[in-house]
């Protein structure tokens, strides 16, 4: 995949998804029938607060069956090691691991947008 919608991310990360949305084809039927493996910042992170507010619609509200860490290096390594993984963390960590990770553009209804320093700082991603 090269992109994902905000609605699909919400379906994947909202609390109701825990234990229920477990395969990629449950998000988009043409995606593989393979297990979802999620990684992200822990609940004490400001990145977690922003992500849950923007994607789920409520700060500090997400499924809990994901690999959480405050260490972005651990998250990047975990995501890189799992072909079916999806994760979120600060853009700086991506820049340190750009050769190991694949970015997804996010579509909020205005077309897919890739994360760059510019799109993140302008609030477009």
PDB file of N, CA and C in Angstrom:
ATOM      1  N   UNK A   1       0.840  -1.192   0.000  1.00  0.00           N
ATOM      2  CA  UNK A   1       0.000   0.000   0.000  1.00  0.00           C
ATOM      3  C   UNK A   1       0.878   1.246   0.000  1.00  0.00           C
ATOM      4  N   UNK A   2       0.370   2.281  -0.597  1.00  0.00           N
ATOM      5  CA  UNK A   2       1.087   3.555  -0.610  1.00  0.00           C
ATOM      6  C   UNK A   2       0.359   4.622   0.194  1.00  0.00           C
ATOM      7  N   UNK A   3      -0.927   4.373   0.491  1.00  0.00           N
ATOM      8  CA  UNK A   3      -1.678   5.362   1.259  1.00  0.00           C
ATOM      9  C   UNK A   3      -2.748   4.681   2.096  1.00  0.00           C
ATOM     10  N   UNK A   4      -3.276   5.441   3.043  1.00  0.00           N
ATOM     11  CA  UNK A   4      -4.339   4.982   3.927  1.00  0.00           C
ATOM     12  C   UNK A   4      -5.176   6.203   4.283  1.00  0.00           C
ATOM     13  N   UNK A   5      -6.470   6.017   4.452  1.00  0.00           N
ATOM     14  CA  UNK A   5      -7.320   7.155   4.801  1.00  0.00           C
ATOM     15  C   UNK A   5      -7.371   7.327   6.319  1.00  0.00           C
ATOM     16  N   UNK A   6      -7.761   8.521   6.742  1.00  0.00           N
ATOM     17  CA  UNK A   6      -7.951   8.772   8.168  1.00  0.00           C
ATOM     18  C   UNK A   6      -9.020   7.823   8.710  1.00  0.00           C
ATOM     19  N   UNK A   7     -10.073   7.596   7.934  1.00  0.00           N
ATOM     20  CA  UNK A   7     -11.139   6.690   8.369  1.00  0.00           C
ATOM     21  C   UNK A   7     -10.607   5.267   8.573  1.00  0.00           C
ATOM     22  N   UNK A   8      -9.731   4.820   7.669  1.00  0.00           N
ATOM     23  CA  UNK A   8      -9.139   3.484   7.818  1.00  0.00           C
ATOM     24  C   UNK A   8      -8.226   3.415   9.043  1.00  0.00           C
ATOM     25  N   UNK A   9      -7.459   4.480   9.269  1.00  0.00           N
ATOM     26  CA  UNK A   9      -6.617   4.516  10.465  1.00  0.00           C
ATOM     27  C   UNK A   9      -7.463   4.471  11.730  1.00  0.00           C
ATOM     28  N   UNK A  10      -8.565   5.212  11.727  1.00  0.00           N
ATOM     29  CA  UNK A  10      -9.455   5.193  12.893  1.00  0.00           C
ATOM     30  C   UNK A  10     -10.003   3.790  13.109  1.00  0.00           C
ATOM     31  N   UNK A  11     -10.456   3.153  12.049  1.00  0.00           N
ATOM     32  CA  UNK A  11     -10.990   1.791  12.150  1.00  0.00           C
ATOM     33  C   UNK A  11      -9.943   0.844  12.731  1.00  0.00           C
ATOM     34  N   UNK A  12      -8.695   1.088  12.419  1.00  0.00           N
ATOM     35  CA  UNK A  12      -7.590   0.251  12.872  1.00  0.00           C
ATOM     36  C   UNK A  12      -7.191   0.536  14.319  1.00  0.00           C
ATOM     37  N   UNK A  13      -7.199   1.808  14.729  1.00  0.00           N
ATOM     38  CA  UNK A  13      -6.649   2.211  16.021  1.00  0.00           C
ATOM     39  C   UNK A  13      -7.677   2.483  17.110  1.00  0.00           C
ATOM     40  N   UNK A  14      -8.959   2.644  16.785  1.00  0.00           N
ATOM     41  CA  UNK A  14      -9.937   2.978  17.825  1.00  0.00           C
ATOM     42  C   UNK A  14     -10.066   1.832  18.831  1.00  0.00           C
ATOM     43  N   UNK A  15     -10.477   2.149  20.062  1.00  0.00           N
ATOM     44  CA  UNK A  15     -10.578   1.107  21.089  1.00  0.00           C
ATOM     45  C   UNK A  15     -11.436  -0.090  20.668  1.00  0.00           C
ATOM     46  N   UNK A  16     -12.497   0.142  19.916  1.00  0.00           N
ATOM     47  CA  UNK A  16     -13.383  -0.947  19.488  1.00  0.00           C
ATOM     48  C   UNK A  16     -12.691  -1.939  18.558  1.00  0.00           C
ATOM     49  N   UNK A  17     -11.548  -1.563  17.989  1.00  0.00           N
ATOM     50  CA  UNK A  17     -10.820  -2.447  17.071  1.00  0.00           C
ATOM     51  C   UNK A  17     -10.046  -3.537  17.803  1.00  0.00           C
ATOM     52  N   UNK A  18      -9.787  -3.318  19.075  1.00  0.00           N
ATOM     53  CA  UNK A  18      -8.960  -4.257  19.832  1.00  0.00           C
ATOM     54  C   UNK A  18      -9.560  -5.660  19.807  1.00  0.00           C
ATOM     55  N   UNK A  19      -8.766  -6.609  19.333  1.00  0.00           N
ATOM     56  CA  UNK A  19      -9.193  -7.993  19.257  1.00  0.00           C
ATOM     57  C   UNK A  19     -10.165  -8.296  18.127  1.00  0.00           C
ATOM     58  N   UNK A  20     -10.586  -7.271  17.384  1.00  0.00           N
ATOM     59  CA  UNK A  20     -11.565  -7.462  16.307  1.00  0.00           C
ATOM     60  C   UNK A  20     -10.978  -7.188  14.929  1.00  0.00           C
ATOM     61  N   UNK A  21     -10.268  -6.074  14.783  1.00  0.00           N
ATOM     62  CA  UNK A  21      -9.614  -5.748  13.509  1.00  0.00           C
ATOM     63  C   UNK A  21      -8.196  -6.291  13.622  1.00  0.00           C
ATOM     64  N   UNK A  22      -8.002  -7.477  13.071  1.00  0.00           N
ATOM     65  CA  UNK A  22      -6.733  -8.179  13.266  1.00  0.00           C
ATOM     66  C   UNK A  22      -6.050  -8.570  11.957  1.00  0.00           C
ATOM     67  N   UNK A  23      -6.735  -8.332  10.825  1.00  0.00           N
ATOM     68  CA  UNK A  23      -6.171  -8.680   9.517  1.00  0.00           C
ATOM     69  C   UNK A  23      -6.320  -7.475   8.592  1.00  0.00           C
ATOM     70  N   UNK A  24      -5.344  -7.309   7.703  1.00  0.00           N
ATOM     71  CA  UNK A  24      -5.336  -6.137   6.834  1.00  0.00           C
ATOM     72  C   UNK A  24      -6.553  -6.062   5.919  1.00  0.00           C
ATOM     73  N   UNK A  25      -7.059  -7.200   5.456  1.00  0.00           N
ATOM     74  CA  UNK A  25      -8.213  -7.158   4.553  1.00  0.00           C
ATOM     75  C   UNK A  25      -9.503  -6.753   5.265  1.00  0.00           C
ATOM     76  N   UNK A  26      -9.474  -6.632   6.579  1.00  0.00           N
ATOM     77  CA  UNK A  26     -10.616  -6.080   7.308  1.00  0.00           C
ATOM     78  C   UNK A  26     -10.652  -4.550   7.187  1.00  0.00           C
ATOM     79  N   UNK A  27      -9.543  -3.969   6.837  1.00  0.00           N
ATOM     80  CA  UNK A  27      -9.465  -2.520   6.648  1.00  0.00           C
ATOM     81  C   UNK A  27      -9.814  -2.162   5.212  1.00  0.00           C
ATOM     82  N   UNK A  28      -9.190  -2.836   4.291  1.00  0.00           N
ATOM     83  CA  UNK A  28      -9.453  -2.627   2.862  1.00  0.00           C
ATOM     84  C   UNK A  28      -9.466  -4.013   2.214  1.00  0.00           C
ATOM     85  N   UNK A  29     -10.590  -4.428   1.643  1.00  0.00           N
ATOM     86  CA  UNK A  29     -10.731  -5.807   1.154  1.00  0.00           C
ATOM     87  C   UNK A  29      -9.632  -6.267   0.198  1.00  0.00           C
ATOM     88  N   UNK A  30      -9.071  -5.364  -0.581  1.00  0.00           N
ATOM     89  CA  UNK A  30      -8.027  -5.784  -1.521  1.00  0.00           C
ATOM     90  C   UNK A  30      -6.656  -5.935  -0.860  1.00  0.00           C
ATOM     91  N   UNK A  31      -6.530  -5.541   0.388  1.00  0.00           N
ATOM     92  CA  UNK A  31      -5.280  -5.748   1.102  1.00  0.00           C
ATOM     93  C   UNK A  31      -5.166  -7.214   1.506  1.00  0.00           C
ATOM     94  N   UNK A  32      -3.955  -7.688   1.786  1.00  0.00           N
ATOM     95  CA  UNK A  32      -3.753  -9.114   2.053  1.00  0.00           C
ATOM     96  C   UNK A  32      -4.464  -9.613   3.313  1.00  0.00           C
ATOM     97  N   UNK A  33      -4.808 -10.866   3.278  1.00  0.00           N
ATOM     98  CA  UNK A  33      -5.390 -11.542   4.436  1.00  0.00           C
ATOM     99  C   UNK A  33      -4.238 -11.978   5.338  1.00  0.00           C
ATOM    100  N   UNK A  34      -3.614 -10.970   5.943  1.00  0.00           N
ATOM    101  CA  UNK A  34      -2.442 -11.190   6.791  1.00  0.00           C
ATOM    102  C   UNK A  34      -2.642 -10.444   8.101  1.00  0.00           C
ATOM    103  N   UNK A  35      -1.999 -10.895   9.172  1.00  0.00           N
ATOM    104  CA  UNK A  35      -2.217 -10.263  10.473  1.00  0.00           C
ATOM    105  C   UNK A  35      -1.653  -8.845  10.550  1.00  0.00           C
ATOM    106  N   UNK A  36      -2.403  -7.989  11.220  1.00  0.00           N
ATOM    107  CA  UNK A  36      -1.981  -6.615  11.494  1.00  0.00           C
ATOM    108  C   UNK A  36      -1.011  -6.644  12.673  1.00  0.00           C
ATOM    109  N   UNK A  37       0.098  -5.929  12.542  1.00  0.00           N
ATOM    110  CA  UNK A  37       1.059  -5.793  13.635  1.00  0.00           C
ATOM    111  C   UNK A  37       1.296  -4.304  13.840  1.00  0.00           C
ATOM    112  N   UNK A  38       0.848  -3.794  14.973  1.00  0.00           N
ATOM    113  CA  UNK A  38       0.883  -2.355  15.227  1.00  0.00           C
ATOM    114  C   UNK A  38       1.952  -1.981  16.246  1.00  0.00           C
ATOM    115  N   UNK A  39       2.568  -0.823  15.996  1.00  0.00           N
ATOM    116  CA  UNK A  39       3.596  -0.265  16.863  1.00  0.00           C
ATOM    117  C   UNK A  39       3.299   1.217  17.049  1.00  0.00           C
ATOM    118  N   UNK A  40       3.623   1.760  18.207  1.00  0.00           N
ATOM    119  CA  UNK A  40       3.431   3.191  18.394  1.00  0.00           C
ATOM    120  C   UNK A  40       3.986   3.670  19.715  1.00  0.00           C
ATOM    121  N   UNK A  41       3.944   4.974  19.865  1.00  0.00           N
ATOM    122  CA  UNK A  41       4.414   5.594  21.098  1.00  0.00           C
ATOM    123  C   UNK A  41       3.494   5.207  22.251  1.00  0.00           C
ATOM    124  N   UNK A  42       4.045   5.209  23.449  1.00  0.00           N
ATOM    125  CA  UNK A  42       3.281   4.877  24.645  1.00  0.00           C
ATOM    126  C   UNK A  42       2.362   6.006  25.067  1.00  0.00           C
ATOM    127  N   UNK A  43       1.506   5.713  26.020  1.00  0.00           N
ATOM    128  CA  UNK A  43       0.478   6.655  26.443  1.00  0.00           C
ATOM    129  C   UNK A  43       1.013   7.894  27.144  1.00  0.00           C
ATOM    130  N   UNK A  44       2.263   7.897  27.550  1.00  0.00           N
ATOM    131  CA  UNK A  44       2.842   9.080  28.186  1.00  0.00           C
ATOM    132  C   UNK A  44       3.466  10.038  27.178  1.00  0.00           C
ATOM    133  N   UNK A  45       3.358   9.712  25.916  1.00  0.00           N
ATOM    134  CA  UNK A  45       3.995  10.499  24.861  1.00  0.00           C
ATOM    135  C   UNK A  45       3.050  11.565  24.306  1.00  0.00           C
ATOM    136  N   UNK A  46       3.586  12.730  24.041  1.00  0.00           N
ATOM    137  CA  UNK A  46       2.814  13.766  23.359  1.00  0.00           C
ATOM    138  C   UNK A  46       2.436  13.342  21.953  1.00  0.00           C
ATOM    139  N   UNK A  47       3.293  12.544  21.311  1.00  0.00           N
ATOM    140  CA  UNK A  47       2.983  12.019  19.979  1.00  0.00           C
ATOM    141  C   UNK A  47       1.736  11.142  20.041  1.00  0.00           C
ATOM    142  N   UNK A  48       1.620  10.331  21.086  1.00  0.00           N
ATOM    143  CA  UNK A  48       0.434   9.489  21.279  1.00  0.00           C
ATOM    144  C   UNK A  48      -0.810  10.369  21.434  1.00  0.00           C
ATOM    145  N   UNK A  49      -0.702  11.427  22.236  1.00  0.00           N
ATOM    146  CA  UNK A  49      -1.841  12.331  22.445  1.00  0.00           C
ATOM    147  C   UNK A  49      -2.319  12.930  21.130  1.00  0.00           C
ATOM    148  N   UNK A  50      -1.384  13.442  20.345  1.00  0.00           N
ATOM    149  CA  UNK A  50      -1.737  14.071  19.067  1.00  0.00           C
ATOM    150  C   UNK A  50      -2.308  13.038  18.104  1.00  0.00           C
ATOM    151  N   UNK A  51      -1.671  11.879  18.014  1.00  0.00           N
ATOM    152  CA  UNK A  51      -2.141  10.829  17.106  1.00  0.00           C
ATOM    153  C   UNK A  51      -3.569  10.413  17.449  1.00  0.00           C
ATOM    154  N   UNK A  52      -3.828  10.123  18.715  1.00  0.00           N
ATOM    155  CA  UNK A  52      -5.171   9.666  19.084  1.00  0.00           C
ATOM    156  C   UNK A  52      -6.207  10.766  18.901  1.00  0.00           C
ATOM    157  N   UNK A  53      -5.849  11.994  19.191  1.00  0.00           N
ATOM    158  CA  UNK A  53      -6.784  13.112  18.983  1.00  0.00           C
ATOM    159  C   UNK A  53      -7.125  13.267  17.507  1.00  0.00           C
ATOM    160  N   UNK A  54      -6.108  13.253  16.646  1.00  0.00           N
ATOM    161  CA  UNK A  54      -6.317  13.478  15.212  1.00  0.00           C
ATOM    162  C   UNK A  54      -6.943  12.280  14.496  1.00  0.00           C
ATOM    163  N   UNK A  55      -6.584  11.078  14.887  1.00  0.00           N
ATOM    164  CA  UNK A  55      -7.040   9.883  14.170  1.00  0.00           C
ATOM    165  C   UNK A  55      -8.290   9.280  14.805  1.00  0.00           C
ATOM    166  N   UNK A  56      -8.269   9.060  16.096  1.00  0.00           N
ATOM    167  CA  UNK A  56      -9.403   8.425  16.770  1.00  0.00           C
ATOM    168  C   UNK A  56     -10.481   9.450  17.115  1.00  0.00           C
ATOM    169  N   UNK A  57     -10.057  10.697  17.336  1.00  0.00           N
ATOM    170  CA  UNK A  57     -11.011  11.749  17.670  1.00  0.00           C
ATOM    171  C   UNK A  57     -11.047  12.082  19.147  1.00  0.00           C
ATOM    172  N   UNK A  58     -10.346  11.295  19.959  1.00  0.00           N
ATOM    173  CA  UNK A  58     -10.295  11.517  21.398  1.00  0.00           C
ATOM    174  C   UNK A  58      -8.877  11.252  21.882  1.00  0.00           C
ATOM    175  N   UNK A  59      -8.303  12.230  22.562  1.00  0.00           N
ATOM    176  CA  UNK A  59      -6.957  12.059  23.097  1.00  0.00           C
ATOM    177  C   UNK A  59      -6.941  10.910  24.104  1.00  0.00           C
ATOM    178  N   UNK A  60      -5.866  10.162  24.111  1.00  0.00           N
ATOM    179  CA  UNK A  60      -5.661   9.026  25.020  1.00  0.00           C
ATOM    180  C   UNK A  60      -6.689   7.916  24.823  1.00  0.00           C
ATOM    181  N   UNK A  61      -7.158   7.749  23.602  1.00  0.00           N
ATOM    182  CA  UNK A  61      -8.147   6.713  23.328  1.00  0.00           C
ATOM    183  C   UNK A  61      -7.694   5.898  22.128  1.00  0.00           C
ATOM    184  N   UNK A  62      -7.252   4.671  22.379  1.00  0.00           N
ATOM    185  CA  UNK A  62      -6.862   3.783  21.283  1.00  0.00           C
ATOM    186  C   UNK A  62      -6.919   2.344  21.759  1.00  0.00           C
ATOM    187  N   UNK A  63      -6.811   1.451  20.821  1.00  0.00           N
ATOM    188  CA  UNK A  63      -6.685   0.040  21.187  1.00  0.00           C
ATOM    189  C   UNK A  63      -5.399  -0.114  21.977  1.00  0.00           C
ATOM    190  N   UNK A  64      -5.330  -1.121  22.812  1.00  0.00           N
ATOM    191  CA  UNK A  64      -4.150  -1.324  23.650  1.00  0.00           C
ATOM    192  C   UNK A  64      -3.316  -2.530  23.232  1.00  0.00           C
ATOM    193  N   UNK A  65      -3.791  -3.279  22.240  1.00  0.00           N
ATOM    194  CA  UNK A  65      -3.064  -4.480  21.819  1.00  0.00           C
ATOM    195  C   UNK A  65      -2.056  -4.166  20.714  1.00  0.00           C
ATOM    196  N   UNK A  66      -1.186  -3.219  20.992  1.00  0.00           N
ATOM    197  CA  UNK A  66      -0.117  -2.861  20.063  1.00  0.00           C
ATOM    198  C   UNK A  66       1.189  -2.810  20.841  1.00  0.00           C
ATOM    199  N   UNK A  67       2.297  -2.860  20.133  1.00  0.00           N
ATOM    200  CA  UNK A  67       3.599  -2.756  20.777  1.00  0.00           C
ATOM    201  C   UNK A  67       3.893  -1.288  21.020  1.00  0.00           C
ATOM    202  N   UNK A  68       3.888  -0.895  22.287  1.00  0.00           N
ATOM    203  CA  UNK A  68       4.105   0.503  22.659  1.00  0.00           C
ATOM    204  C   UNK A  68       5.509   0.677  23.224  1.00  0.00           C
ATOM    205  N   UNK A  69       6.115   1.817  22.900  1.00  0.00           N
ATOM    206  CA  UNK A  69       7.433   2.130  23.441  1.00  0.00           C
ATOM    207  C   UNK A  69       7.652   3.632  23.391  1.00  0.00           C
ATOM    208  N   UNK A  70       8.404   4.124  24.350  1.00  0.00           N
ATOM    209  CA  UNK A  70       8.823   5.526  24.316  1.00  0.00           C
ATOM    210  C   UNK A  70      10.122   5.669  23.528  1.00  0.00           C
ATOM    211  N   UNK A  71      10.722   4.544  23.171  1.00  0.00           N
ATOM    212  CA  UNK A  71      11.986   4.541  22.451  1.00  0.00           C
ATOM    213  C   UNK A  71      11.715   4.401  20.952  1.00  0.00           C
ATOM    214  N   UNK A  72      11.897   5.490  20.221  1.00  0.00           N
ATOM    215  CA  UNK A  72      11.620   5.476  18.782  1.00  0.00           C
ATOM    216  C   UNK A  72      12.553   4.543  18.013  1.00  0.00           C
ATOM    217  N   UNK A  73      13.754   4.342  18.512  1.00  0.00           N
ATOM    218  CA  UNK A  73      14.681   3.428  17.847  1.00  0.00           C
ATOM    219  C   UNK A  73      14.144   1.996  17.918  1.00  0.00           C
ATOM    220  N   UNK A  74      13.595   1.619  19.065  1.00  0.00           N
ATOM    221  CA  UNK A  74      12.985   0.292  19.210  1.00  0.00           C
ATOM    222  C   UNK A  74      11.777   0.148  18.291  1.00  0.00           C
ATOM    223  N   UNK A  75      10.956   1.189  18.213  1.00  0.00           N
ATOM    224  CA  UNK A  75       9.783   1.146  17.340  1.00  0.00           C
ATOM    225  C   UNK A  75      10.201   0.982  15.884  1.00  0.00           C
ATOM    226  N   UNK A  76      11.169   1.773  15.446  1.00  0.00           N
ATOM    227  CA  UNK A  76      11.623   1.687  14.051  1.00  0.00           C
ATOM    228  C   UNK A  76      12.166   0.294  13.747  1.00  0.00           C
ATOM    229  N   UNK A  77      12.940  -0.266  14.662  1.00  0.00           N
ATOM    230  CA  UNK A  77      13.495  -1.610  14.451  1.00  0.00           C
ATOM    231  C   UNK A  77      12.380  -2.655  14.393  1.00  0.00           C
ATOM    232  N   UNK A  78      11.394  -2.539  15.262  1.00  0.00           N
ATOM    233  CA  UNK A  78      10.277  -3.478  15.264  1.00  0.00           C
ATOM    234  C   UNK A  78       9.464  -3.409  13.988  1.00  0.00           C
ATOM    235  N   UNK A  79       9.189  -2.207  13.529  1.00  0.00           N
ATOM    236  CA  UNK A  79       8.420  -2.024  12.296  1.00  0.00           C
ATOM    237  C   UNK A  79       9.208  -2.558  11.103  1.00  0.00           C
ATOM    238  N   UNK A  80      10.490  -2.244  11.056  1.00  0.00           N
ATOM    239  CA  UNK A  80      11.329  -2.696   9.937  1.00  0.00           C
ATOM    240  C   UNK A  80      11.412  -4.219   9.877  1.00  0.00           C
ATOM    241  N   UNK A  81      11.345  -4.872  11.020  1.00  0.00           N
ATOM    242  CA  UNK A  81      11.487  -6.329  11.071  1.00  0.00           C
ATOM    243  C   UNK A  81      10.204  -7.081  10.715  1.00  0.00           C
ATOM    244  N   UNK A  82       9.071  -6.387  10.693  1.00  0.00           N
ATOM    245  CA  UNK A  82       7.773  -7.035  10.461  1.00  0.00           C
ATOM    246  C   UNK A  82       7.168  -6.558   9.149  1.00  0.00           C
ATOM    247  N   UNK A  83       7.057  -7.412   8.143  1.00  0.00           N
ATOM    248  CA  UNK A  83       6.510  -6.969   6.855  1.00  0.00           C
ATOM    249  C   UNK A  83       5.065  -6.478   6.923  1.00  0.00           C
ATOM    250  N   UNK A  84       4.302  -6.922   7.918  1.00  0.00           N
ATOM    251  CA  UNK A  84       2.900  -6.519   8.034  1.00  0.00           C
ATOM    252  C   UNK A  84       2.687  -5.455   9.103  1.00  0.00           C
ATOM    253  N   UNK A  85       3.736  -4.731   9.451  1.00  0.00           N
ATOM    254  CA  UNK A  85       3.659  -3.761  10.538  1.00  0.00           C
ATOM    255  C   UNK A  85       3.257  -2.374  10.053  1.00  0.00           C
ATOM    256  N   UNK A  86       2.611  -1.662  10.971  1.00  0.00           N
ATOM    257  CA  UNK A  86       2.289  -0.247  10.799  1.00  0.00           C
ATOM    258  C   UNK A  86       2.554   0.411  12.139  1.00  0.00           C
ATOM    259  N   UNK A  87       3.133   1.592  12.109  1.00  0.00           N
ATOM    260  CA  UNK A  87       3.406   2.263  13.365  1.00  0.00           C
ATOM    261  C   UNK A  87       3.414   3.762  13.219  1.00  0.00           C
ATOM    262  N   UNK A  88       3.432   4.429  14.372  1.00  0.00           N
ATOM    263  CA  UNK A  88       3.535   5.884  14.380  1.00  0.00           C
ATOM    264  C   UNK A  88       4.558   6.325  15.420  1.00  0.00           C
ATOM    265  N   UNK A  89       5.311   7.352  15.050  1.00  0.00           N
ATOM    266  CA  UNK A  89       6.280   7.995  15.928  1.00  0.00           C
ATOM    267  C   UNK A  89       6.686   9.291  15.267  1.00  0.00           C
ATOM    268  N   UNK A  90       7.576  10.048  15.891  1.00  0.00           N
ATOM    269  CA  UNK A  90       7.995  11.334  15.353  1.00  0.00           C
ATOM    270  C   UNK A  90       8.723  11.216  14.024  1.00  0.00           C
ATOM    271  N   UNK A  91       8.589  12.239  13.209  1.00  0.00           N
ATOM    272  CA  UNK A  91       9.189  12.212  11.872  1.00  0.00           C
ATOM    273  C   UNK A  91      10.717  12.140  11.927  1.00  0.00           C
ATOM    274  N   UNK A  92      11.310  12.652  12.988  1.00  0.00           N
ATOM    275  CA  UNK A  92      12.764  12.582  13.123  1.00  0.00           C
ATOM    276  C   UNK A  92      13.273  11.150  13.138  1.00  0.00           C
ATOM    277  N   UNK A  93      12.526  10.261  13.782  1.00  0.00           N
ATOM    278  CA  UNK A  93      12.922   8.845  13.814  1.00  0.00           C
ATOM    279  C   UNK A  93      12.859   8.245  12.418  1.00  0.00           C
ATOM    280  N   UNK A  94      11.863   8.657  11.640  1.00  0.00           N
ATOM    281  CA  UNK A  94      11.807   8.158  10.263  1.00  0.00           C
ATOM    282  C   UNK A  94      13.061   8.586   9.507  1.00  0.00           C
ATOM    283  N   UNK A  95      13.465   9.831   9.650  1.00  0.00           N
ATOM    284  CA  UNK A  95      14.643  10.322   8.925  1.00  0.00           C
ATOM    285  C   UNK A  95      15.904   9.554   9.314  1.00  0.00           C
ATOM    286  N   UNK A  96      15.964   9.075  10.544  1.00  0.00           N
ATOM    287  CA  UNK A  96      17.122   8.275  10.968  1.00  0.00           C
ATOM    288  C   UNK A  96      17.063   6.856  10.412  1.00  0.00           C
ATOM    289  N   UNK A  97      15.881   6.424   9.963  1.00  0.00           N
ATOM    290  CA  UNK A  97      15.706   5.039   9.498  1.00  0.00           C
ATOM    291  C   UNK A  97      15.038   4.977   8.128  1.00  0.00           C
ATOM    292  N   UNK A  98      15.190   6.003   7.322  1.00  0.00           N
ATOM    293  CA  UNK A  98      14.492   6.093   6.039  1.00  0.00           C
ATOM    294  C   UNK A  98      14.776   4.913   5.121  1.00  0.00           C
ATOM    295  N   UNK A  99      15.971   4.341   5.255  1.00  0.00           N
ATOM    296  CA  UNK A  99      16.336   3.236   4.365  1.00  0.00           C
ATOM    297  C   UNK A  99      15.745   1.894   4.803  1.00  0.00           C
ATOM    298  N   UNK A 100      15.130   1.844   5.987  1.00  0.00           N
ATOM    299  CA  UNK A 100      14.555   0.604   6.507  1.00  0.00           C
ATOM    300  C   UNK A 100      13.029   0.615   6.517  1.00  0.00           C
ATOM    301  N   UNK A 101      12.431   1.783   6.405  1.00  0.00           N
ATOM    302  CA  UNK A 101      10.989   1.934   6.575  1.00  0.00           C
ATOM    303  C   UNK A 101      10.324   2.465   5.319  1.00  0.00           C
ATOM    304  N   UNK A 102       9.039   2.225   5.205  1.00  0.00           N
ATOM    305  CA  UNK A 102       8.245   2.741   4.089  1.00  0.00           C
ATOM    306  C   UNK A 102       7.181   3.678   4.655  1.00  0.00           C
ATOM    307  N   UNK A 103       7.074   4.849   4.067  1.00  0.00           N
ATOM    308  CA  UNK A 103       6.056   5.810   4.486  1.00  0.00           C
ATOM    309  C   UNK A 103       4.725   5.523   3.815  1.00  0.00           C
ATOM    310  N   UNK A 104       3.650   5.815   4.516  1.00  0.00           N
ATOM    311  CA  UNK A 104       2.315   5.787   3.929  1.00  0.00           C
ATOM    312  C   UNK A 104       1.798   7.211   3.875  1.00  0.00           C
ATOM    313  N   UNK A 105       1.243   7.581   2.745  1.00  0.00           N
ATOM    314  CA  UNK A 105       0.548   8.860   2.663  1.00  0.00           C
ATOM    315  C   UNK A 105      -0.796   8.688   3.365  1.00  0.00           C
ATOM    316  N   UNK A 106      -1.263   9.749   4.014  1.00  0.00           N
ATOM    317  CA  UNK A 106      -2.554   9.718   4.698  1.00  0.00           C
ATOM    318  C   UNK A 106      -3.504  10.649   3.964  1.00  0.00           C
ATOM    319  N   UNK A 107      -4.692  10.135   3.684  1.00  0.00           N
ATOM    320  CA  UNK A 107      -5.716  10.896   2.964  1.00  0.00           C
ATOM    321  C   UNK A 107      -6.821  11.291   3.937  1.00  0.00           C
ATOM    322  N   UNK A 108      -6.945  12.595   4.168  1.00  0.00           N
ATOM    323  CA  UNK A 108      -7.999  13.090   5.056  1.00  0.00           C
ATOM    324  C   UNK A 108      -9.212  13.573   4.266  1.00  0.00           C
ATOM    325  N   UNK A 109      -9.311  13.140   3.017  1.00  0.00           N
ATOM    326  CA  UNK A 109     -10.417  13.546   2.160  1.00  0.00           C
ATOM    327  C   UNK A 109     -10.009  14.541   1.093  1.00  0.00           C
ATOM    328  N   UNK A 110      -8.775  15.036   1.189  1.00  0.00           N
ATOM    329  CA  UNK A 110      -8.266  16.015   0.225  1.00  0.00           C
ATOM    330  C   UNK A 110      -7.151  15.433  -0.631  1.00  0.00           C
ATOM    331  N   UNK A 111      -7.015  14.111  -0.607  1.00  0.00           N
ATOM    332  CA  UNK A 111      -5.944  13.451  -1.346  1.00  0.00           C
ATOM    333  C   UNK A 111      -4.821  13.044  -0.417  1.00  0.00           C
ATOM    334  N   UNK A 112      -4.081  11.994  -0.782  1.00  0.00           N
ATOM    335  CA  UNK A 112      -3.005  11.486   0.067  1.00  0.00           C
ATOM    336  C   UNK A 112      -1.865  12.492   0.236  1.00  0.00           C
ATOM    337  N   UNK A 113      -1.360  12.600   1.466  1.00  0.00           N
ATOM    338  CA  UNK A 113      -0.257  13.499   1.794  1.00  0.00           C
ATOM    339  C   UNK A 113       0.822  12.684   2.503  1.00  0.00           C
ATOM    340  N   UNK A 114       2.051  12.777   1.998  1.00  0.00           N
ATOM    341  CA  UNK A 114       3.181  12.115   2.647  1.00  0.00           C
ATOM    342  C   UNK A 114       3.732  13.003   3.754  1.00  0.00           C
ATOM    343  N   UNK A 115       4.261  12.393   4.819  1.00  0.00           N
ATOM    344  CA  UNK A 115       4.858  13.195   5.878  1.00  0.00           C
ATOM    345  C   UNK A 115       6.228  13.723   5.468  1.00  0.00           C
ATOM    346  N   UNK A 116       6.370  15.007   5.539  1.00  0.00           N
ATOM    347  CA  UNK A 116       7.660  15.671   5.360  1.00  0.00           C
ATOM    348  C   UNK A 116       7.771  16.683   6.491  1.00  0.00           C
ATOM    349  N   UNK A 117       8.932  17.255   6.676  1.00  0.00           N
ATOM    350  CA  UNK A 117       9.050  18.291   7.700  1.00  0.00           C
ATOM    351  C   UNK A 117       8.060  19.416   7.428  1.00  0.00           C
ATOM    352  N   UNK A 118       7.874  19.748   6.157  1.00  0.00           N
ATOM    353  CA  UNK A 118       6.959  20.819   5.777  1.00  0.00           C
ATOM    354  C   UNK A 118       5.500  20.447   6.032  1.00  0.00           C
ATOM    355  N   UNK A 119       5.051  19.272   5.550  1.00  0.00           N
ATOM    356  CA  UNK A 119       3.637  18.911   5.722  1.00  0.00           C
ATOM    357  C   UNK A 119       3.293  18.698   7.194  1.00  0.00           C
ATOM    358  N   UNK A 120       4.239  18.199   7.977  1.00  0.00           N
ATOM    359  CA  UNK A 120       3.994  18.019   9.406  1.00  0.00           C
ATOM    360  C   UNK A 120       3.911  19.377  10.097  1.00  0.00           C
ATOM    361  N   UNK A 121       4.865  20.268   9.828  1.00  0.00           N
ATOM    362  CA  UNK A 121       4.869  21.571  10.504  1.00  0.00           C
ATOM    363  C   UNK A 121       3.680  22.437  10.101  1.00  0.00           C
ATOM    364  N   UNK A 122       3.165  22.235   8.888  1.00  0.00           N
ATOM    365  CA  UNK A 122       1.995  22.997   8.434  1.00  0.00           C
ATOM    366  C   UNK A 122       0.673  22.348   8.847  1.00  0.00           C
ATOM    367  N   UNK A 123       0.746  21.196   9.517  1.00  0.00           N
ATOM    368  CA  UNK A 123      -0.461  20.509   9.954  1.00  0.00           C
ATOM    369  C   UNK A 123      -1.218  19.825   8.837  1.00  0.00           C
ATOM    370  N   UNK A 124      -0.542  19.576   7.716  1.00  0.00           N
ATOM    371  CA  UNK A 124      -1.185  18.917   6.582  1.00  0.00           C
ATOM    372  C   UNK A 124      -1.102  17.402   6.682  1.00  0.00           C
ATOM    373  N   UNK A 125      -0.208  16.915   7.527  1.00  0.00           N
ATOM    374  CA  UNK A 125      -0.073  15.469   7.721  1.00  0.00           C
ATOM    375  C   UNK A 125      -0.344  15.153   9.165  1.00  0.00           C
TER     376      UNK A 125
END
